[in-house]
Structures are given as C-alpha cells and as structure tokens.
Amino acid sequence: MKLVKWVKPVVALVLVSALSACASVYDVRPQPVNTQVSVFNNGVESLRSKKVHEVEVGASAPQMVQFDDLRFMVSFTNHGKNPVEFSPANVAATLNGQAVPVLSYEAQLQDIENRLSYYGYRLSVLPGPGYVAPYYQSGVGFGGRFGFGFAGFDDGMNDRLDVQRAYNDLDRLKRLGLKPRVVKPGETAAGEITLARRLPAGSVQYLSLDVNVDGETHHFEFGYHSRR
C-alpha cells in the first residue's frame, strides 16, 4: 500500500512536468505608437508616453510562458498642478481584441485571503515576507514519511504547495503591487498590475493597455510571439 501511495504523487509530478514542457514560451515585444519611446528598466523593454503627464508601461518579465499570469509594471508621473488619484482602476486592457479586467489591489488581497482560509489560515496571522512553508510535516530525513529522499512525496503535498503559492503571491503583492494613492505634482506612483486572464495558446498574441488619468489617455500595445 505504501508503494501505491508513493507512486501517485510521482505520476502527478511527471504529468505536471510534461504539461509545463508543452507550454509555449513567448517574447513580449513592445510596439511603440505615435511619439512613444522604448526604455529599458532592469533589462526589460518598456514604453514611455508623455503628454502633460508621463506614463510608462512594461511587462514584468522579458518573456512569458503560456498560462502565466499577465502582469505589467506601470508608472505615472504627475507633471500637472493638482494632485491626481492613481490606481489599477486607471488601466484598461484588451487581449486579442477582448476586454480583460484589471484586478484591484484589494481584489488580489481578497483572493489570497480566500485561498488561505480554505486551509485554515488568516491574513492577520500570516508570517512576514520570506516565509517558506514546509514541504512535509514529519518523516525520516529528507524523505518525508516514506524516506525515499524526496521531501514532497508525502500526504498533503499539493495542499502545502497551494499554501506556499499563496504566501508567495502575498509577498509579491506587498512588494510590487500598485496600491491606490494620491500623486502630488512632481511625484511618481509605480507598481505592478495583474490582469484577470492568462496567456492562451496561439503563436501570436496582442495586448493593449490604456492608462486613463486626469483626462488623458495613454495607449500602449504589446505583442506576444511564440518561440516555437
């Protein structure tokens, strides 16, 4: 019976690895329009648009894997005379011509809370950034319950991985997430936005983002091109 219980997680991992290997890898290619210019931040090409205010948008990574979350870094610099409210609500997106919701900071926090509460956790008692959830509760050495030298091959492995992902998402949201704020003249607000859609299958994908702020619309276009 132990052998059967051990083989099941192995088969699951093999299937996950196989599916991951089949996923296409995409390059994100900014497509400047009008007077936009390309700039590089941390090795990632972004687009900068300047009217009265200045807005910059770029993918959070230089490449994407199929079914990855769609994330972008957005910055807004207030060159006007009055304070301006800025948040993910100022961004609208379309993927291949279809409207895609942009998640608010609060919605992402609620999603993480829901995922953790399913396993009996609460945000009020979460460990701080850098917490690493255990891969097994008990066992012999690194082998978990079965002592085979694979720390994750015990009961509840998937549950602990789900909790770990939730903690990782919470840490990322706190570090990078675009929080609602009032931007005073001369100040810059920047952060990561997440779209409520993952990259589907297809050799070429097109995504556009409109940043609507203080009566201005800054339009950005990006292409996802498969390496296969």
Protein backbone atom coordinates (compact mmCIF):
# COMPACT_ATOMS: atom_id res chain seq x y z
CA MET A 1 0.00 0.00 0.00
CA LYS A 2 2.83 2.38 0.74
CA LEU A 3 4.22 1.85 -2.73
CA VAL A 4 0.87 2.85 -4.27
CA LYS A 5 0.69 5.99 -2.13
CA TRP A 6 4.24 6.88 -3.15
CA VAL A 7 3.73 6.32 -6.86
CA LYS A 8 0.64 8.55 -7.10
CA PRO A 9 2.46 11.82 -6.31
CA VAL A 10 5.30 10.77 -8.64
CA VAL A 11 2.85 10.30 -11.51
CA ALA A 12 1.29 13.69 -10.72
CA LEU A 13 4.67 15.40 -10.80
CA VAL A 14 5.56 13.74 -14.09
CA LEU A 15 2.28 14.93 -15.59
CA VAL A 16 2.83 18.48 -14.34
CA SER A 17 6.37 18.48 -15.73
CA ALA A 18 5.14 17.17 -19.08
CA LEU A 19 2.44 19.83 -19.30
CA SER A 20 4.93 22.55 -18.38
CA ALA A 21 7.28 21.33 -21.09
CA CYS A 22 4.47 21.57 -23.64
CA ALA A 23 3.67 25.18 -22.78
CA SER A 24 4.88 27.69 -25.34
CA VAL A 25 7.40 30.36 -24.38
CA TYR A 26 6.68 33.89 -25.60
CA ASP A 27 8.75 37.01 -26.07
CA VAL A 28 6.98 40.23 -25.12
CA ARG A 29 7.61 42.88 -27.78
CA PRO A 30 6.54 46.47 -27.12
CA GLN A 31 5.15 48.22 -30.20
CA PRO A 32 5.63 52.00 -29.97
CA VAL A 33 2.85 54.18 -31.37
CA ASN A 34 2.74 57.93 -32.01
CA THR A 35 5.51 59.67 -30.06
CA GLN A 36 6.25 56.83 -27.64
CA VAL A 37 9.82 55.77 -26.98
CA SER A 38 11.30 52.49 -25.77
CA VAL A 39 13.21 52.49 -22.50
CA PHE A 40 14.89 49.70 -20.55
CA ASN A 41 14.31 49.11 -16.85
CA ASN A 42 16.10 46.20 -15.19
CA GLY A 43 16.70 44.68 -18.61
CA VAL A 44 13.02 44.82 -19.60
CA GLU A 45 11.91 46.96 -22.55
CA SER A 46 9.09 49.35 -21.65
CA LEU A 47 7.14 52.06 -23.43
CA ARG A 48 7.02 55.69 -22.32
CA SER A 49 4.25 58.11 -23.27
CA LYS A 50 4.32 61.80 -22.43
CA LYS A 51 1.55 64.36 -22.72
CA VAL A 52 1.00 66.69 -19.80
CA HIS A 53 1.71 63.72 -17.55
CA GLU A 54 4.17 60.88 -18.16
CA VAL A 55 3.24 57.18 -18.14
CA GLU A 56 5.48 54.17 -18.56
CA VAL A 57 4.36 50.56 -19.06
CA GLY A 58 6.32 47.35 -19.46
CA ALA A 59 5.89 43.62 -18.92
CA SER A 60 7.07 42.39 -15.52
CA ALA A 61 9.33 39.83 -17.24
CA PRO A 62 11.09 39.80 -20.61
CA GLN A 63 9.29 36.59 -21.57
CA MET A 64 6.09 34.76 -20.69
CA VAL A 65 5.12 31.12 -20.58
CA GLN A 66 1.69 30.06 -21.77
CA PHE A 67 -0.83 30.15 -18.92
CA ASP A 68 1.31 32.58 -16.87
CA ASP A 69 -0.45 35.47 -15.16
CA LEU A 70 -0.34 38.63 -17.26
CA ARG A 71 1.48 41.27 -15.21
CA PHE A 72 2.74 44.72 -16.13
CA MET A 73 4.68 47.43 -14.36
CA VAL A 74 3.00 50.83 -14.63
CA SER A 75 4.37 54.18 -13.52
CA PHE A 76 2.67 57.57 -13.53
CA THR A 77 4.43 60.91 -13.04
CA ASN A 78 2.28 63.91 -12.25
CA HIS A 79 3.50 66.93 -14.22
CA GLY A 80 0.32 68.90 -13.60
CA LYS A 81 -0.59 71.44 -10.95
CA ASN A 82 -3.07 69.39 -8.92
CA PRO A 83 -2.97 66.07 -7.03
CA VAL A 84 -4.22 63.09 -9.05
CA GLU A 85 -5.64 59.79 -7.82
CA PHE A 86 -3.96 56.78 -9.39
CA SER A 87 -4.64 53.04 -9.04
CA PRO A 88 -5.19 49.90 -11.17
CA ALA A 89 -8.67 51.33 -11.87
CA ASN A 90 -6.96 53.82 -14.21
CA VAL A 91 -5.86 50.97 -16.50
CA ALA A 92 -8.00 49.20 -19.13
CA ALA A 93 -6.78 46.20 -21.13
CA THR A 94 -7.70 44.07 -24.14
CA LEU A 95 -6.18 40.73 -25.17
CA ASN A 96 -6.65 39.76 -28.82
CA GLY A 97 -9.45 42.32 -29.05
CA GLN A 98 -11.33 41.08 -25.97
CA ALA A 99 -11.66 43.24 -22.87
CA VAL A 100 -9.75 41.90 -19.85
CA PRO A 101 -10.41 43.10 -16.29
CA VAL A 102 -7.52 44.64 -14.37
CA LEU A 103 -7.54 43.39 -10.79
CA SER A 104 -7.57 45.92 -7.99
CA TYR A 105 -5.10 45.66 -5.14
CA GLU A 106 -7.97 44.87 -2.79
CA ALA A 107 -9.34 42.13 -5.09
CA GLN A 108 -5.95 40.40 -5.21
CA LEU A 109 -5.63 40.60 -1.43
CA GLN A 110 -9.12 39.11 -1.05
CA ASP A 111 -8.28 36.28 -3.44
CA ILE A 112 -5.20 35.39 -1.39
CA GLU A 113 -7.22 35.54 1.81
CA ASN A 114 -9.84 33.20 0.32
CA ARG A 115 -7.20 30.71 -0.79
CA LEU A 116 -5.54 30.67 2.60
CA SER A 117 -8.80 30.49 4.55
CA TYR A 118 -9.61 27.29 2.67
CA TYR A 119 -6.68 25.72 4.53
CA GLY A 120 -7.47 27.39 7.85
CA TYR A 121 -5.12 30.38 7.61
CA ARG A 122 -5.93 34.03 8.21
CA LEU A 123 -4.12 37.10 6.89
CA SER A 124 -3.94 38.52 10.41
CA VAL A 125 -1.66 35.66 11.49
CA LEU A 126 0.44 35.31 8.35
CA PRO A 127 4.23 35.15 8.74
CA GLY A 128 6.23 38.01 7.26
CA PRO A 129 7.96 38.13 3.85
CA GLY A 130 10.45 35.37 3.21
CA TYR A 131 8.40 32.68 4.96
CA VAL A 132 8.85 29.25 3.38
CA ALA A 133 6.07 26.77 4.04
CA PRO A 134 7.28 23.26 4.98
CA TYR A 135 7.07 20.54 2.33
CA TYR A 136 6.36 17.83 4.87
CA GLN A 137 5.12 17.59 8.42
CA SER A 138 7.04 14.58 9.64
CA GLY A 139 9.25 11.85 8.34
CA VAL A 140 12.74 10.40 8.18
CA GLY A 141 15.44 12.76 6.97
CA PHE A 142 14.51 14.45 3.71
CA GLY A 143 12.33 11.58 2.67
CA GLY A 144 9.12 12.64 4.39
CA ARG A 145 7.02 9.72 5.57
CA PHE A 146 8.50 7.25 3.18
CA GLY A 147 12.20 8.06 3.42
CA PHE A 148 12.84 7.96 -0.33
CA GLY A 149 14.85 11.19 -0.45
CA PHE A 150 12.07 13.30 -1.99
CA ALA A 151 10.78 15.87 0.50
CA GLY A 152 7.45 16.43 -1.23
CA PHE A 153 6.26 12.85 -1.65
CA ASP A 154 4.01 12.61 1.39
CA ASP A 155 0.29 13.12 2.01
CA GLY A 156 -0.88 16.72 1.66
CA MET A 157 1.90 17.78 -0.72
CA ASN A 158 -0.47 19.63 -3.03
CA ASP A 159 -2.11 21.39 -0.09
CA ARG A 160 1.21 22.71 1.16
CA LEU A 161 2.20 23.80 -2.33
CA ASP A 162 -1.06 25.74 -2.63
CA VAL A 163 -0.37 27.46 0.69
CA GLN A 164 3.20 28.23 -0.39
CA ARG A 165 1.96 29.78 -3.63
CA ALA A 166 -0.49 31.93 -1.70
CA TYR A 167 2.30 33.15 0.60
CA ASN A 168 4.48 33.89 -2.44
CA ASP A 169 1.67 35.81 -4.12
CA LEU A 170 1.09 37.80 -0.92
CA ASP A 171 4.78 38.68 -0.67
CA ARG A 172 4.84 39.75 -4.33
CA LEU A 173 1.69 41.84 -3.95
CA LYS A 174 3.07 43.65 -0.91
CA ARG A 175 6.41 44.33 -2.61
CA LEU A 176 5.29 45.18 -6.14
CA GLY A 177 1.52 45.69 -6.26
CA LEU A 178 0.21 49.05 -7.44
CA LYS A 179 -1.63 50.49 -4.45
CA PRO A 180 -4.23 53.28 -4.78
CA ARG A 181 -2.72 56.63 -3.85
CA VAL A 182 -2.95 60.36 -4.43
CA VAL A 183 0.00 61.53 -6.52
CA LYS A 184 1.06 65.11 -5.84
CA PRO A 185 2.61 67.34 -8.54
CA GLY A 186 6.15 66.21 -9.25
CA GLU A 187 5.64 62.79 -7.66
CA THR A 188 5.63 59.33 -9.29
CA ALA A 189 3.49 56.32 -8.45
CA ALA A 190 4.62 52.92 -9.72
CA GLY A 191 3.70 49.30 -9.23
CA GLU A 192 2.62 46.03 -10.79
CA ILE A 193 -0.86 45.38 -12.16
CA THR A 194 -2.32 41.92 -12.75
CA LEU A 195 -4.86 41.09 -15.44
CA ALA A 196 -7.69 38.64 -14.78
CA ARG A 197 -6.65 36.49 -17.72
CA ARG A 198 -3.78 34.17 -18.51
CA LEU A 199 -1.95 33.88 -21.78
CA PRO A 200 -3.85 31.42 -24.01
CA ALA A 201 -2.46 29.16 -26.70
CA GLY A 202 -1.52 30.68 -30.04
CA SER A 203 1.61 31.61 -31.99
CA VAL A 204 0.94 35.36 -31.74
CA GLN A 205 -0.99 37.32 -29.11
CA TYR A 206 -1.73 41.04 -28.99
CA LEU A 207 -2.39 43.05 -25.88
CA SER A 208 -3.20 46.72 -25.47
CA LEU A 209 -3.34 48.86 -22.35
CA ASP A 210 -5.00 52.23 -21.94
CA VAL A 211 -3.96 54.33 -18.95
CA ASN A 212 -6.66 56.93 -18.39
CA VAL A 213 -5.61 59.59 -15.92
CA ASP A 214 -6.57 63.22 -15.33
CA GLY A 215 -8.41 63.49 -18.66
CA GLU A 216 -5.55 61.93 -20.67
CA THR A 217 -5.44 58.53 -22.36
CA HIS A 218 -2.05 56.87 -22.89
CA HIS A 219 -2.37 53.89 -25.26
CA PHE A 220 0.20 51.06 -25.28
CA GLU A 221 0.50 47.98 -27.47
CA PHE A 222 2.43 44.75 -26.92
CA GLY A 223 2.85 41.59 -28.97
CA TYR A 224 3.49 38.09 -27.62
CA HIS A 225 5.38 35.99 -30.14
CA SER A 226 5.90 32.27 -29.57
CA ARG A 227 9.44 30.95 -29.80
CA ARG A 228 8.16 27.68 -31.25
